[in-house]
Protein backbone atom coordinates (compact mmCIF):
# COMPACT_ATOMS: atom_id res chain seq x y z
CA MET A 1 9.52 -43.29 -89.74
CA GLU A 2 7.05 -45.23 -87.06
CA ILE A 3 3.15 -45.28 -88.53
CA ASP A 4 1.23 -45.28 -85.53
CA ALA A 5 -2.73 -45.95 -85.53
CA GLU A 6 -3.90 -41.84 -85.35
CA LEU A 7 -1.66 -42.42 -88.56
CA ARG A 8 -2.85 -45.05 -90.08
CA ARG A 9 -6.44 -43.84 -89.30
CA GLN A 10 -5.68 -40.29 -90.73
CA ILE A 11 -4.07 -42.01 -93.89
CA THR A 12 -7.19 -44.59 -94.61
CA VAL A 13 -9.95 -42.22 -93.90
CA SER A 14 -8.49 -40.26 -96.93
CA LEU A 15 -8.35 -42.50 -98.74
CA ALA A 16 -11.56 -43.97 -98.88
CA ALA A 17 -12.34 -39.87 -99.45
CA ALA A 18 -9.84 -40.44 -102.18
CA ALA A 19 -11.40 -43.31 -103.42
CA VAL A 20 -15.47 -42.02 -103.48
CA PHE A 21 -14.20 -39.20 -105.66
CA ILE A 22 -12.61 -41.50 -108.24
CA ALA A 23 -15.51 -43.72 -107.96
CA GLY A 24 -17.65 -40.44 -108.53
CA LEU A 25 -15.69 -39.72 -111.46
CA VAL A 26 -15.35 -43.05 -113.02
CA GLY A 27 -19.61 -43.15 -112.77
CA ILE A 28 -20.01 -39.93 -114.30
CA GLY A 29 -17.01 -41.09 -117.46
CA VAL A 30 -20.12 -44.22 -117.64
CA THR A 31 -23.00 -42.58 -117.54
CA PHE A 32 -21.83 -39.30 -119.45
CA GLY A 33 -19.39 -41.04 -121.36
CA GLY A 34 -19.67 -42.84 -125.04
CA SER A 35 -19.46 -39.08 -127.48
CA SER A 36 -16.57 -36.64 -127.51
CA ALA A 37 -17.63 -33.59 -125.58
CA LEU A 38 -18.91 -34.11 -122.19
CA PRO A 39 -22.67 -33.29 -122.05
CA GLU A 40 -24.81 -30.12 -120.60
CA ALA A 41 -25.98 -32.45 -117.47
CA GLY A 42 -22.45 -34.53 -117.58
CA ALA A 43 -20.65 -31.16 -116.69
CA LEU A 44 -23.45 -30.53 -113.91
CA ALA A 45 -22.56 -33.71 -112.79
CA LEU A 46 -18.62 -32.81 -112.51
CA VAL A 47 -19.02 -29.55 -110.64
CA ALA A 48 -21.27 -31.59 -108.18
CA LEU A 49 -18.41 -33.93 -107.58
CA LEU A 50 -16.25 -31.31 -106.93
CA ALA A 51 -18.19 -29.23 -104.66
CA GLY A 52 -18.61 -32.79 -102.83
CA PHE A 53 -14.94 -34.22 -102.73
CA VAL A 54 -14.13 -30.17 -101.19
CA LEU A 55 -16.81 -30.38 -98.56
CA LEU A 56 -16.44 -33.93 -98.08
CA MET A 57 -12.57 -33.69 -97.09
CA ALA A 58 -13.28 -30.60 -95.22
CA GLY A 59 -15.97 -32.87 -92.95
CA VAL A 60 -13.01 -35.94 -92.94
CA GLY A 61 -10.27 -32.57 -91.81
CA THR A 62 -12.39 -31.66 -88.98
CA TYR A 63 -13.05 -35.87 -88.24
CA LEU A 64 -9.64 -36.52 -87.58
CA MET A 65 -8.86 -32.95 -86.06
CA ARG A 66 -11.73 -34.35 -83.35
CA THR A 67 -10.52 -37.71 -82.91
CA GLY A 68 -6.66 -36.39 -83.08
CA ASP A 69 -7.57 -34.21 -79.83
CA GLU A 70 -9.91 -37.41 -77.44
CA SER A 71 -6.75 -39.45 -77.35
């Protein structure tokens, strides 16, 4: 299977979005970790991160769909 420029762009953008999510998880773990349970503020931060990730992936999908139409 040959990987063309558009597929490379899709892979790169998707991996970057996933890396942002993982960095957010690590950040929440470092900030609110240390105890055996996640405090309420940490739980809200986690929910916000998940919601942000869903919106980020929707934006990434829209971006990739539009750039695919132009080429």
